[in-house]
PDB file of N, CA and C in Angstrom:
ATOM      1  N   MET A   1       0.846  -1.106  -0.029  1.00  0.00           N
ATOM      2  CA  MET A   1       0.007   0.137   0.027  1.00  0.00           C
ATOM      3  C   MET A   1       0.988   1.096   0.021  1.00  0.00           C
ATOM      4  N   ASP A   2       0.508   2.120  -0.720  1.00  0.00           N
ATOM      5  CA  ASP A   2       1.196   3.459  -1.001  1.00  0.00           C
ATOM      6  C   ASP A   2       0.963   4.408   0.127  1.00  0.00           C
ATOM      7  N   ASP A   3       1.787   5.005   0.866  1.00  0.00           N
ATOM      8  CA  ASP A   3       1.577   5.807   2.088  1.00  0.00           C
ATOM      9  C   ASP A   3       2.479   6.873   2.305  1.00  0.00           C
ATOM     10  N   VAL A   4       1.986   7.942   2.802  1.00  0.00           N
ATOM     11  CA  VAL A   4       2.891   8.971   3.096  1.00  0.00           C
ATOM     12  C   VAL A   4       2.481   9.355   4.808  1.00  0.00           C
ATOM     13  N   LYS A   5       3.400   9.245   5.647  1.00  0.00           N
ATOM     14  CA  LYS A   5       3.214   9.654   7.154  1.00  0.00           C
ATOM     15  C   LYS A   5       4.092  10.642   7.449  1.00  0.00           C
ATOM     16  N   LEU A   6       3.543  11.721   8.354  1.00  0.00           N
ATOM     17  CA  LEU A   6       4.321  13.007   8.696  1.00  0.00           C
ATOM     18  C   LEU A   6       4.271  12.920  10.177  1.00  0.00           C
ATOM     19  N   ARG A   7       5.479  13.448  10.798  1.00  0.00           N
ATOM     20  CA  ARG A   7       5.399  13.825  12.385  1.00  0.00           C
ATOM     21  C   ARG A   7       6.534  14.825  12.450  1.00  0.00           C
ATOM     22  N   ARG A   8       6.566  15.426  13.457  1.00  0.00           N
ATOM     23  CA  ARG A   8       7.553  16.405  13.900  1.00  0.00           C
ATOM     24  C   ARG A   8       8.630  15.615  14.598  1.00  0.00           C
ATOM     25  N   SER A   9       9.871  15.987  14.273  1.00  0.00           N
ATOM     26  CA  SER A   9      11.149  15.413  14.877  1.00  0.00           C
ATOM     27  C   SER A   9      10.977  15.655  16.575  1.00  0.00           C
ATOM     28  N   GLU A  10      11.330  14.432  17.113  1.00  0.00           N
ATOM     29  CA  GLU A  10      11.279  14.659  18.541  1.00  0.00           C
ATOM     30  C   GLU A  10      12.634  15.425  19.065  1.00  0.00           C
ATOM     31  N   ASN A  11      13.625  15.588  18.381  1.00  0.00           N
ATOM     32  CA  ASN A  11      14.754  16.403  18.713  1.00  0.00           C
ATOM     33  C   ASN A  11      14.792  17.818  18.371  1.00  0.00           C
ATOM     34  N   ASP A  12      13.889  18.141  17.233  1.00  0.00           N
ATOM     35  CA  ASP A  12      13.912  19.375  16.756  1.00  0.00           C
ATOM     36  C   ASP A  12      12.525  19.749  16.169  1.00  0.00           C
ATOM     37  N   SER A  13      11.685  20.536  16.680  1.00  0.00           N
ATOM     38  CA  SER A  13      10.439  20.667  16.382  1.00  0.00           C
ATOM     39  C   SER A  13      10.248  21.252  14.968  1.00  0.00           C
ATOM     40  N   SER A  14      11.328  21.978  14.570  1.00  0.00           N
ATOM     41  CA  SER A  14      11.259  22.633  13.178  1.00  0.00           C
ATOM     42  C   SER A  14      11.681  21.676  12.059  1.00  0.00           C
ATOM     43  N   ILE A  15      11.770  20.378  12.282  1.00  0.00           N
ATOM     44  CA  ILE A  15      12.119  19.355  11.261  1.00  0.00           C
ATOM     45  C   ILE A  15      10.804  18.465  11.354  1.00  0.00           C
ATOM     46  N   LEU A  16      10.374  18.209  10.014  1.00  0.00           N
ATOM     47  CA  LEU A  16       9.395  17.322   9.742  1.00  0.00           C
ATOM     48  C   LEU A  16       9.945  15.959   9.308  1.00  0.00           C
ATOM     49  N   VAL A  17       9.412  14.799   9.773  1.00  0.00           N
ATOM     50  CA  VAL A  17       9.859  13.644   9.368  1.00  0.00           C
ATOM     51  C   VAL A  17       8.998  12.958   8.601  1.00  0.00           C
ATOM     52  N   ALA A  18       9.167  12.687   7.227  1.00  0.00           N
ATOM     53  CA  ALA A  18       8.291  12.155   6.365  1.00  0.00           C
ATOM     54  C   ALA A  18       8.577  10.735   6.118  1.00  0.00           C
ATOM     55  N   THR A  19       7.745   9.756   6.150  1.00  0.00           N
ATOM     56  CA  THR A  19       7.857   8.431   5.749  1.00  0.00           C
ATOM     57  C   THR A  19       7.053   7.917   4.595  1.00  0.00           C
ATOM     58  N   LEU A  20       7.704   7.648   3.435  1.00  0.00           N
ATOM     59  CA  LEU A  20       6.898   7.198   2.238  1.00  0.00           C
ATOM     60  C   LEU A  20       7.249   5.708   2.026  1.00  0.00           C
ATOM     61  N   CYS A  21       6.259   5.146   1.610  1.00  0.00           N
ATOM     62  CA  CYS A  21       6.334   3.765   1.126  1.00  0.00           C
ATOM     63  C   CYS A  21       5.519   3.802  -0.281  1.00  0.00           C
ATOM     64  N   CYS A  22       6.245   3.186  -1.323  1.00  0.00           N
ATOM     65  CA  CYS A  22       5.789   3.161  -2.573  1.00  0.00           C
ATOM     66  C   CYS A  22       6.444   2.138  -3.513  1.00  0.00           C
ATOM     67  N   GLU A  23       5.942   1.964  -4.833  1.00  0.00           N
ATOM     68  CA  GLU A  23       6.587   1.294  -5.882  1.00  0.00           C
ATOM     69  C   GLU A  23       7.835   2.001  -6.210  1.00  0.00           C
ATOM     70  N   ASP A  24       9.012   1.257  -6.326  1.00  0.00           N
ATOM     71  CA  ASP A  24      10.232   1.879  -6.756  1.00  0.00           C
ATOM     72  C   ASP A  24      10.158   2.105  -8.280  1.00  0.00           C
ATOM     73  N   ARG A  25      10.870   3.165  -8.656  1.00  0.00           N
ATOM     74  CA  ARG A  25      10.872   3.526 -10.063  1.00  0.00           C
ATOM     75  C   ARG A  25      12.091   4.258 -10.230  1.00  0.00           C
ATOM     76  N   PRO A  26      12.443   4.303 -11.486  1.00  0.00           N
ATOM     77  CA  PRO A  26      13.656   5.102 -11.803  1.00  0.00           C
ATOM     78  C   PRO A  26      13.702   6.702 -11.612  1.00  0.00           C
ATOM     79  N   GLU A  27      12.595   7.277 -11.824  1.00  0.00           N
ATOM     80  CA  GLU A  27      12.255   8.740 -11.507  1.00  0.00           C
ATOM     81  C   GLU A  27      11.925   9.223 -10.175  1.00  0.00           C
ATOM     82  N   LEU A  28      11.870   8.229  -9.215  1.00  0.00           N
ATOM     83  CA  LEU A  28      11.355   8.497  -7.972  1.00  0.00           C
ATOM     84  C   LEU A  28      12.168   9.590  -7.308  1.00  0.00           C
ATOM     85  N   ILE A  29      13.477   9.588  -7.103  1.00  0.00           N
ATOM     86  CA  ILE A  29      14.240  10.646  -6.594  1.00  0.00           C
ATOM     87  C   ILE A  29      14.106  11.950  -7.112  1.00  0.00           C
ATOM     88  N   MET A  30      14.037  11.937  -8.365  1.00  0.00           N
ATOM     89  CA  MET A  30      13.974  13.342  -8.994  1.00  0.00           C
ATOM     90  C   MET A  30      12.551  13.787  -8.758  1.00  0.00           C
ATOM     91  N   ASP A  31      11.490  12.960  -8.776  1.00  0.00           N
ATOM     92  CA  ASP A  31      10.229  13.538  -8.370  1.00  0.00           C
ATOM     93  C   ASP A  31      10.121  14.011  -6.909  1.00  0.00           C
ATOM     94  N   LEU A  32      10.831  13.389  -5.979  1.00  0.00           N
ATOM     95  CA  LEU A  32      10.889  13.689  -4.489  1.00  0.00           C
ATOM     96  C   LEU A  32      11.446  15.148  -4.483  1.00  0.00           C
ATOM     97  N   THR A  33      12.643  15.228  -5.230  1.00  0.00           N
ATOM     98  CA  THR A  33      13.443  16.652  -5.320  1.00  0.00           C
ATOM     99  C   THR A  33      12.491  17.791  -5.777  1.00  0.00           C
ATOM    100  N   ARG A  34      11.864  17.345  -6.817  1.00  0.00           N
ATOM    101  CA  ARG A  34      10.942  18.648  -7.258  1.00  0.00           C
ATOM    102  C   ARG A  34       9.811  18.871  -6.372  1.00  0.00           C
ATOM    103  N   ALA A  35       9.316  17.798  -5.668  1.00  0.00           N
ATOM    104  CA  ALA A  35       8.142  17.937  -4.725  1.00  0.00           C
ATOM    105  C   ALA A  35       8.755  18.855  -3.450  1.00  0.00           C
ATOM    106  N   LEU A  36       9.862  18.417  -2.922  1.00  0.00           N
ATOM    107  CA  LEU A  36      10.540  19.301  -2.018  1.00  0.00           C
ATOM    108  C   LEU A  36      10.868  20.737  -2.316  1.00  0.00           C
ATOM    109  N   ARG A  37      11.466  20.884  -3.432  1.00  0.00           N
ATOM    110  CA  ARG A  37      11.602  22.256  -3.965  1.00  0.00           C
ATOM    111  C   ARG A  37      10.399  23.131  -3.986  1.00  0.00           C
ATOM    112  N   SER A  38       9.357  22.370  -4.297  1.00  0.00           N
ATOM    113  CA  SER A  38       8.081  23.132  -4.500  1.00  0.00           C
ATOM    114  C   SER A  38       7.485  23.762  -3.185  1.00  0.00           C
ATOM    115  N   VAL A  39       7.862  23.107  -2.274  1.00  0.00           N
ATOM    116  CA  VAL A  39       7.455  23.560  -0.774  1.00  0.00           C
ATOM    117  C   VAL A  39       8.718  24.261  -0.076  1.00  0.00           C
ATOM    118  N   LYS A  40       9.801  24.402  -0.745  1.00  0.00           N
ATOM    119  CA  LYS A  40      10.922  25.001  -0.174  1.00  0.00           C
ATOM    120  C   LYS A  40      11.479  24.217   1.090  1.00  0.00           C
ATOM    121  N   GLY A  41      11.323  23.003   0.858  1.00  0.00           N
ATOM    122  CA  GLY A  41      11.890  22.065   1.982  1.00  0.00           C
ATOM    123  C   GLY A  41      13.284  21.712   1.676  1.00  0.00           C
ATOM    124  N   ARG A  42      14.029  21.466   2.630  1.00  0.00           N
ATOM    125  CA  ARG A  42      15.517  21.004   2.514  1.00  0.00           C
ATOM    126  C   ARG A  42      15.742  19.703   3.429  1.00  0.00           C
ATOM    127  N   VAL A  43      16.142  18.708   2.680  1.00  0.00           N
ATOM    128  CA  VAL A  43      16.302  17.398   3.452  1.00  0.00           C
ATOM    129  C   VAL A  43      17.692  17.529   4.164  1.00  0.00           C
ATOM    130  N   VAL A  44      17.631  17.295   5.367  1.00  0.00           N
ATOM    131  CA  VAL A  44      18.731  17.398   6.280  1.00  0.00           C
ATOM    132  C   VAL A  44      19.202  15.771   6.580  1.00  0.00           C
ATOM    133  N   ARG A  45      18.507  14.955   6.340  1.00  0.00           N
ATOM    134  CA  ARG A  45      18.848  13.507   6.611  1.00  0.00           C
ATOM    135  C   ARG A  45      17.728  12.529   5.811  1.00  0.00           C
ATOM    136  N   ALA A  46      18.285  11.500   5.222  1.00  0.00           N
ATOM    137  CA  ALA A  46      17.584  10.645   4.449  1.00  0.00           C
ATOM    138  C   ALA A  46      18.004   9.211   4.554  1.00  0.00           C
ATOM    139  N   GLU A  47      17.038   8.123   4.786  1.00  0.00           N
ATOM    140  CA  GLU A  47      17.271   6.755   4.881  1.00  0.00           C
ATOM    141  C   GLU A  47      16.308   6.186   3.747  1.00  0.00           C
ATOM    142  N   MET A  48      16.949   5.394   2.861  1.00  0.00           N
ATOM    143  CA  MET A  48      16.044   4.837   1.916  1.00  0.00           C
ATOM    144  C   MET A  48      16.514   3.370   1.838  1.00  0.00           C
ATOM    145  N   ALA A  49      15.421   2.445   1.497  1.00  0.00           N
ATOM    146  CA  ALA A  49      15.499   1.168   1.433  1.00  0.00           C
ATOM    147  C   ALA A  49      14.650   0.494   0.439  1.00  0.00           C
ATOM    148  N   THR A  50      15.065  -0.269  -0.495  1.00  0.00           N
ATOM    149  CA  THR A  50      14.232  -0.864  -1.473  1.00  0.00           C
ATOM    150  C   THR A  50      14.422  -2.523  -1.536  1.00  0.00           C
ATOM    151  N   VAL A  51      13.206  -3.142  -1.338  1.00  0.00           N
ATOM    152  CA  VAL A  51      13.113  -4.506  -1.320  1.00  0.00           C
ATOM    153  C   VAL A  51      11.920  -4.982  -2.203  1.00  0.00           C
ATOM    154  N   GLY A  52      12.219  -5.930  -3.210  1.00  0.00           N
ATOM    155  CA  GLY A  52      11.203  -6.574  -3.921  1.00  0.00           C
ATOM    156  C   GLY A  52      10.397  -5.352  -4.785  1.00  0.00           C
ATOM    157  N   GLY A  53      11.036  -4.487  -5.251  1.00  0.00           N
ATOM    158  CA  GLY A  53      10.248  -3.485  -6.018  1.00  0.00           C
ATOM    159  C   GLY A  53       9.534  -2.448  -5.380  1.00  0.00           C
ATOM    160  N   ARG A  54       9.768  -2.479  -4.083  1.00  0.00           N
ATOM    161  CA  ARG A  54       9.102  -1.575  -3.111  1.00  0.00           C
ATOM    162  C   ARG A  54      10.116  -0.575  -2.460  1.00  0.00           C
ATOM    163  N   THR A  55       9.851   0.694  -2.255  1.00  0.00           N
ATOM    164  CA  THR A  55      10.978   1.405  -1.583  1.00  0.00           C
ATOM    165  C   THR A  55      10.235   2.223  -0.334  1.00  0.00           C
ATOM    166  N   LYS A  56      10.874   2.192   0.712  1.00  0.00           N
ATOM    167  CA  LYS A  56      10.621   2.896   1.912  1.00  0.00           C
ATOM    168  C   LYS A  56      11.608   4.047   2.216  1.00  0.00           C
ATOM    169  N   SER A  57      11.061   5.407   2.220  1.00  0.00           N
ATOM    170  CA  SER A  57      12.095   6.427   2.429  1.00  0.00           C
ATOM    171  C   SER A  57      11.766   7.112   3.709  1.00  0.00           C
ATOM    172  N   ILE A  58      12.783   7.591   4.554  1.00  0.00           N
ATOM    173  CA  ILE A  58      12.395   8.340   5.700  1.00  0.00           C
ATOM    174  C   ILE A  58      13.319   9.619   5.337  1.00  0.00           C
ATOM    175  N   LEU A  59      12.587  10.698   5.326  1.00  0.00           N
ATOM    176  CA  LEU A  59      13.275  12.029   5.146  1.00  0.00           C
ATOM    177  C   LEU A  59      12.852  12.993   6.183  1.00  0.00           C
ATOM    178  N   TRP A  60      14.110  13.631   6.646  1.00  0.00           N
ATOM    179  CA  TRP A  60      14.038  14.682   7.681  1.00  0.00           C
ATOM    180  C   TRP A  60      14.116  15.918   6.884  1.00  0.00           C
ATOM    181  N   VAL A  61      13.021  16.799   6.948  1.00  0.00           N
ATOM    182  CA  VAL A  61      12.935  17.893   6.222  1.00  0.00           C
ATOM    183  C   VAL A  61      12.821  19.336   7.031  1.00  0.00           C
ATOM    184  N   ARG A  62      13.425  20.334   6.588  1.00  0.00           N
ATOM    185  CA  ARG A  62      13.553  21.423   7.446  1.00  0.00           C
ATOM    186  C   ARG A  62      12.943  22.611   6.376  1.00  0.00           C
ATOM    187  N   GLY A  63      12.499  23.598   6.774  1.00  0.00           N
ATOM    188  CA  GLY A  63      12.255  25.081   6.055  1.00  0.00           C
ATOM    189  C   GLY A  63      10.949  24.810   5.147  1.00  0.00           C
ATOM    190  N   VAL A  64      10.016  23.982   5.376  1.00  0.00           N
ATOM    191  CA  VAL A  64       8.825  23.938   4.720  1.00  0.00           C
ATOM    192  C   VAL A  64       8.055  25.195   4.558  1.00  0.00           C
ATOM    193  N   SER A  65       7.905  25.733   3.410  1.00  0.00           N
ATOM    194  CA  SER A  65       6.897  26.828   3.455  1.00  0.00           C
ATOM    195  C   SER A  65       6.160  26.901   1.939  1.00  0.00           C
ATOM    196  N   GLY A  66       5.213  27.710   2.064  1.00  0.00           N
ATOM    197  CA  GLY A  66       4.348  27.775   0.883  1.00  0.00           C
ATOM    198  C   GLY A  66       5.050  28.913  -0.073  1.00  0.00           C
ATOM    199  N   GLY A  67       4.871  28.647  -1.403  1.00  0.00           N
ATOM    200  CA  GLY A  67       5.265  29.491  -2.283  1.00  0.00           C
ATOM    201  C   GLY A  67       4.169  30.195  -2.963  1.00  0.00           C
ATOM    202  N   GLY A  68       4.459  31.166  -3.786  1.00  0.00           N
ATOM    203  CA  GLY A  68       3.514  31.772  -4.659  1.00  0.00           C
ATOM    204  C   GLY A  68       2.342  32.342  -3.992  1.00  0.00           C
ATOM    205  N   ILE A  69       1.064  32.413  -4.640  1.00  0.00           N
ATOM    206  CA  ILE A  69      -0.032  33.125  -4.092  1.00  0.00           C
ATOM    207  C   ILE A  69      -0.252  32.557  -2.844  1.00  0.00           C
ATOM    208  N   GLY A  70      -0.631  33.138  -1.749  1.00  0.00           N
ATOM    209  CA  GLY A  70      -1.147  32.798  -0.480  1.00  0.00           C
ATOM    210  C   GLY A  70       0.081  32.637   0.502  1.00  0.00           C
ATOM    211  N   GLY A  71       1.185  33.024  -0.081  1.00  0.00           N
ATOM    212  CA  GLY A  71       2.342  33.065   0.981  1.00  0.00           C
ATOM    213  C   GLY A  71       2.835  31.898   1.673  1.00  0.00           C
ATOM    214  N   SER A  72       2.779  31.730   3.020  1.00  0.00           N
ATOM    215  CA  SER A  72       3.101  30.603   3.748  1.00  0.00           C
ATOM    216  C   SER A  72       2.073  29.517   3.804  1.00  0.00           C
ATOM    217  N   GLY A  73       1.355  29.364   2.824  1.00  0.00           N
ATOM    218  CA  GLY A  73       0.503  28.167   2.835  1.00  0.00           C
ATOM    219  C   GLY A  73      -0.836  28.380   3.714  1.00  0.00           C
ATOM    220  N   SER A  74      -1.273  29.698   4.069  1.00  0.00           N
ATOM    221  CA  SER A  74      -2.384  29.805   5.067  1.00  0.00           C
ATOM    222  C   SER A  74      -3.585  29.011   4.625  1.00  0.00           C
ATOM    223  N   GLY A  75      -4.414  28.367   5.470  1.00  0.00           N
ATOM    224  CA  GLY A  75      -5.378  27.656   5.162  1.00  0.00           C
ATOM    225  C   GLY A  75      -5.118  26.371   4.432  1.00  0.00           C
ATOM    226  N   SER A  76      -3.831  26.007   4.511  1.00  0.00           N
ATOM    227  CA  SER A  76      -3.527  24.602   4.009  1.00  0.00           C
ATOM    228  C   SER A  76      -3.050  23.589   4.762  1.00  0.00           C
ATOM    229  N   GLY A  77      -3.277  23.847   6.301  1.00  0.00           N
ATOM    230  CA  GLY A  77      -2.885  22.789   7.093  1.00  0.00           C
ATOM    231  C   GLY A  77      -1.388  23.214   7.635  1.00  0.00           C
ATOM    232  N   GLY A  78      -0.932  24.296   7.164  1.00  0.00           N
ATOM    233  CA  GLY A  78       0.601  24.581   7.695  1.00  0.00           C
ATOM    234  C   GLY A  78       1.585  23.893   6.932  1.00  0.00           C
ATOM    235  N   PRO A  79       2.838  23.682   7.604  1.00  0.00           N
ATOM    236  CA  PRO A  79       3.821  23.142   6.569  1.00  0.00           C
ATOM    237  C   PRO A  79       3.534  21.537   6.434  1.00  0.00           C
ATOM    238  N   GLU A  80       2.866  20.922   7.302  1.00  0.00           N
ATOM    239  CA  GLU A  80       2.473  19.524   7.281  1.00  0.00           C
ATOM    240  C   GLU A  80       1.796  19.270   6.233  1.00  0.00           C
ATOM    241  N   GLY A  81       0.589  20.128   6.014  1.00  0.00           N
ATOM    242  CA  GLY A  81      -0.235  19.815   4.890  1.00  0.00           C
ATOM    243  C   GLY A  81       0.470  20.140   3.456  1.00  0.00           C
ATOM    244  N   LEU A  82       1.286  21.297   3.577  1.00  0.00           N
ATOM    245  CA  LEU A  82       2.052  21.425   2.311  1.00  0.00           C
ATOM    246  C   LEU A  82       2.619  20.280   1.846  1.00  0.00           C
ATOM    247  N   LEU A  83       3.626  19.738   2.821  1.00  0.00           N
ATOM    248  CA  LEU A  83       4.511  18.615   2.489  1.00  0.00           C
ATOM    249  C   LEU A  83       3.819  17.230   2.226  1.00  0.00           C
ATOM    250  N   ARG A  84       2.716  17.185   2.856  1.00  0.00           N
ATOM    251  CA  ARG A  84       1.887  16.007   2.830  1.00  0.00           C
ATOM    252  C   ARG A  84       1.423  15.921   1.153  1.00  0.00           C
ATOM    253  N   ARG A  85       0.847  17.015   0.802  1.00  0.00           N
ATOM    254  CA  ARG A  85       0.136  17.071  -0.429  1.00  0.00           C
ATOM    255  C   ARG A  85       1.147  16.847  -1.489  1.00  0.00           C
ATOM    256  N   ALA A  86       2.368  17.441  -1.279  1.00  0.00           N
ATOM    257  CA  ALA A  86       3.523  17.391  -2.404  1.00  0.00           C
ATOM    258  C   ALA A  86       3.973  16.054  -2.637  1.00  0.00           C
ATOM    259  N   LEU A  87       4.082  15.353  -1.317  1.00  0.00           N
ATOM    260  CA  LEU A  87       4.782  14.024  -1.422  1.00  0.00           C
ATOM    261  C   LEU A  87       3.707  13.005  -1.783  1.00  0.00           C
ATOM    262  N   LYS A  88       2.438  13.076  -1.532  1.00  0.00           N
ATOM    263  CA  LYS A  88       1.372  12.245  -1.957  1.00  0.00           C
ATOM    264  C   LYS A  88       1.302  12.308  -3.425  1.00  0.00           C
ATOM    265  N   VAL A  89       1.490  13.387  -4.203  1.00  0.00           N
ATOM    266  CA  VAL A  89       1.560  13.347  -5.635  1.00  0.00           C
ATOM    267  C   VAL A  89       2.665  12.353  -6.052  1.00  0.00           C
ATOM    268  N   VAL A  90       3.738  12.483  -5.389  1.00  0.00           N
ATOM    269  CA  VAL A  90       4.914  11.739  -5.873  1.00  0.00           C
ATOM    270  C   VAL A  90       4.584  10.240  -5.528  1.00  0.00           C
ATOM    271  N   VAL A  91       4.131   9.927  -4.496  1.00  0.00           N
ATOM    272  CA  VAL A  91       3.712   8.564  -4.176  1.00  0.00           C
ATOM    273  C   VAL A  91       2.723   7.983  -5.061  1.00  0.00           C
ATOM    274  N   ASP A  92       1.709   8.623  -5.472  1.00  0.00           N
ATOM    275  CA  ASP A  92       0.574   8.104  -6.005  1.00  0.00           C
ATOM    276  C   ASP A  92       0.932   8.154  -7.616  1.00  0.00           C
ATOM    277  N   LYS A  93       1.996   8.768  -8.131  1.00  0.00           N
ATOM    278  CA  LYS A  93       2.285   8.847  -9.424  1.00  0.00           C
ATOM    279  C   LYS A  93       2.685   7.330  -9.929  1.00  0.00           C
ATOM    280  N   PRO A  94       2.081   6.816 -11.058  1.00  0.00           N
ATOM    281  CA  PRO A  94       2.630   5.454 -11.597  1.00  0.00           C
ATOM    282  C   PRO A  94       3.921   5.596 -12.224  1.00  0.00           C
ATOM    283  N   SER A  95       4.621   4.352 -12.346  1.00  0.00           N
ATOM    284  CA  SER A  95       5.933   4.308 -12.959  1.00  0.00           C
ATOM    285  C   SER A  95       5.689   4.584 -14.280  1.00  0.00           C
ATOM    286  N   SER A  96       6.686   5.345 -15.017  1.00  0.00           N
ATOM    287  CA  SER A  96       6.685   5.567 -16.515  1.00  0.00           C
ATOM    288  C   SER A  96       7.222   4.414 -17.270  1.00  0.00           C
ATOM    289  N   SER A  97       7.702   3.343 -16.477  1.00  0.00           N
ATOM    290  CA  SER A  97       8.225   2.062 -17.213  1.00  0.00           C
ATOM    291  C   SER A  97       8.161   1.014 -16.279  1.00  0.00           C
ATOM    292  N   GLY A  98       7.327   0.015 -17.041  1.00  0.00           N
ATOM    293  CA  GLY A  98       6.928  -1.097 -16.245  1.00  0.00           C
ATOM    294  C   GLY A  98       8.199  -2.013 -15.957  1.00  0.00           C
ATOM    295  N   ASN A  99       9.332  -2.016 -16.641  1.00  0.00           N
ATOM    296  CA  ASN A  99      10.414  -2.597 -16.431  1.00  0.00           C
ATOM    297  C   ASN A  99      11.696  -1.717 -16.072  1.00  0.00           C
ATOM    298  N   MET A 100      12.054  -1.601 -14.958  1.00  0.00           N
ATOM    299  CA  MET A 100      13.128  -0.821 -14.590  1.00  0.00           C
ATOM    300  C   MET A 100      14.293  -1.207 -15.325  1.00  0.00           C
ATOM    301  N   GLY A 101      14.649  -2.313 -15.287  1.00  0.00           N
ATOM    302  CA  GLY A 101      16.085  -2.600 -16.090  1.00  0.00           C
ATOM    303  C   GLY A 101      15.856  -2.292 -17.625  1.00  0.00           C
ATOM    304  N   HIS A 102      14.863  -2.426 -18.244  1.00  0.00           N
ATOM    305  CA  HIS A 102      14.826  -1.888 -19.621  1.00  0.00           C
ATOM    306  C   HIS A 102      14.845  -0.287 -19.569  1.00  0.00           C
ATOM    307  N   HIS A 103      14.242   0.369 -18.757  1.00  0.00           N
ATOM    308  CA  HIS A 103      14.381   1.725 -18.693  1.00  0.00           C
ATOM    309  C   HIS A 103      15.688   2.088 -18.599  1.00  0.00           C
ATOM    310  N   LEU A 104      16.526   1.514 -17.934  1.00  0.00           N
ATOM    311  CA  LEU A 104      17.880   1.808 -17.615  1.00  0.00           C
ATOM    312  C   LEU A 104      18.833   1.519 -18.767  1.00  0.00           C
ATOM    313  N   GLY A 105      18.070   0.752 -19.713  1.00  0.00           N
ATOM    314  CA  GLY A 105      18.980   0.289 -20.734  1.00  0.00           C
ATOM    315  C   GLY A 105      19.795  -0.962 -20.418  1.00  0.00           C
ATOM    316  N   LEU A 106      19.413  -1.663 -19.454  1.00  0.00           N
ATOM    317  CA  LEU A 106      20.015  -3.044 -19.245  1.00  0.00           C
ATOM    318  C   LEU A 106      19.067  -4.088 -19.311  1.00  0.00           C
ATOM    319  N   MET A 107      19.655  -5.288 -19.551  1.00  0.00           N
ATOM    320  CA  MET A 107      18.893  -6.537 -19.620  1.00  0.00           C
ATOM    321  C   MET A 107      18.588  -6.844 -18.186  1.00  0.00           C
ATOM    322  N   VAL A 108      17.399  -7.227 -17.912  1.00  0.00           N
ATOM    323  CA  VAL A 108      17.153  -7.758 -16.633  1.00  0.00           C
ATOM    324  C   VAL A 108      18.128  -8.959 -16.124  1.00  0.00           C
ATOM    325  N   GLY A 109      18.664  -8.998 -15.182  1.00  0.00           N
ATOM    326  CA  GLY A 109      19.589  -9.921 -14.867  1.00  0.00           C
ATOM    327  C   GLY A 109      20.943  -9.998 -15.269  1.00  0.00           C
ATOM    328  N   SER A 110      21.251  -8.764 -16.220  1.00  0.00           N
ATOM    329  CA  SER A 110      22.677  -8.667 -16.761  1.00  0.00           C
ATOM    330  C   SER A 110      23.507  -8.236 -15.549  1.00  0.00           C
ATOM    331  N   ARG A 111      24.780  -8.509 -15.932  1.00  0.00           N
ATOM    332  CA  ARG A 111      25.802  -7.835 -14.945  1.00  0.00           C
ATOM    333  C   ARG A 111      26.655  -6.924 -15.494  1.00  0.00           C
ATOM    334  N   ILE A 112      26.879  -5.904 -14.694  1.00  0.00           N
ATOM    335  CA  ILE A 112      27.916  -4.911 -15.338  1.00  0.00           C
ATOM    336  C   ILE A 112      29.157  -5.150 -14.494  1.00  0.00           C
ATOM    337  N   GLN A 113      30.230  -5.121 -15.234  1.00  0.00           N
ATOM    338  CA  GLN A 113      31.625  -5.212 -14.692  1.00  0.00           C
ATOM    339  C   GLN A 113      32.511  -4.031 -15.012  1.00  0.00           C
ATOM    340  N   SER A 114      33.079  -3.481 -14.269  1.00  0.00           N
ATOM    341  CA  SER A 114      33.955  -2.469 -14.381  1.00  0.00           C
ATOM    342  C   SER A 114      35.299  -2.927 -15.134  1.00  0.00           C
ATOM    343  N   PRO A 115      35.722  -2.183 -15.934  1.00  0.00           N
ATOM    344  CA  PRO A 115      37.083  -2.480 -16.632  1.00  0.00           C
ATOM    345  C   PRO A 115      38.226  -2.663 -15.613  1.00  0.00           C
ATOM    346  N   TYR A 116      37.999  -2.274 -14.462  1.00  0.00           N
ATOM    347  CA  TYR A 116      39.106  -2.085 -13.604  1.00  0.00           C
ATOM    348  C   TYR A 116      38.961  -3.331 -12.526  1.00  0.00           C
ATOM    349  N   TYR A 117      38.042  -4.248 -12.920  1.00  0.00           N
ATOM    350  CA  TYR A 117      37.870  -5.457 -12.097  1.00  0.00           C
ATOM    351  C   TYR A 117      38.829  -6.571 -12.575  1.00  0.00           C
ATOM    352  N   TYR A 118      39.699  -6.991 -11.713  1.00  0.00           N
ATOM    353  CA  TYR A 118      40.794  -8.116 -11.975  1.00  0.00           C
ATOM    354  C   TYR A 118      40.280  -9.320 -11.459  1.00  0.00           C
ATOM    355  N   TYR A 119      40.330 -10.583 -12.232  1.00  0.00           N
ATOM    356  CA  TYR A 119      39.940 -11.686 -11.643  1.00  0.00           C
ATOM    357  C   TYR A 119      41.169 -12.357 -10.832  1.00  0.00           C
TER     358      TYR A 119
END
């Protein structure tokens, strides 16, 4: 199940901790970067793990604020609401490629060897 959970950091209330679970895809990190920039968030720590085509990311984000008309996101649930909506768009986005290996130009199961690898 795709999910976004948010909470305040126990050590620093100015930091939001976002936990995301979704299908892994090649463009995921780029989409996360765009979403965070859209709310002026800055990642100060990140943990990511991928197992069986699914990924779980925990992001510690500082400085979330609204941009454009409306200023600091008034009426939007504050920083939590802004960040939740931005990340939900990323989590709900379907993969642009059904086969990640093909998308990366690799045969699934192929091995990549460095020319500097000696037997």
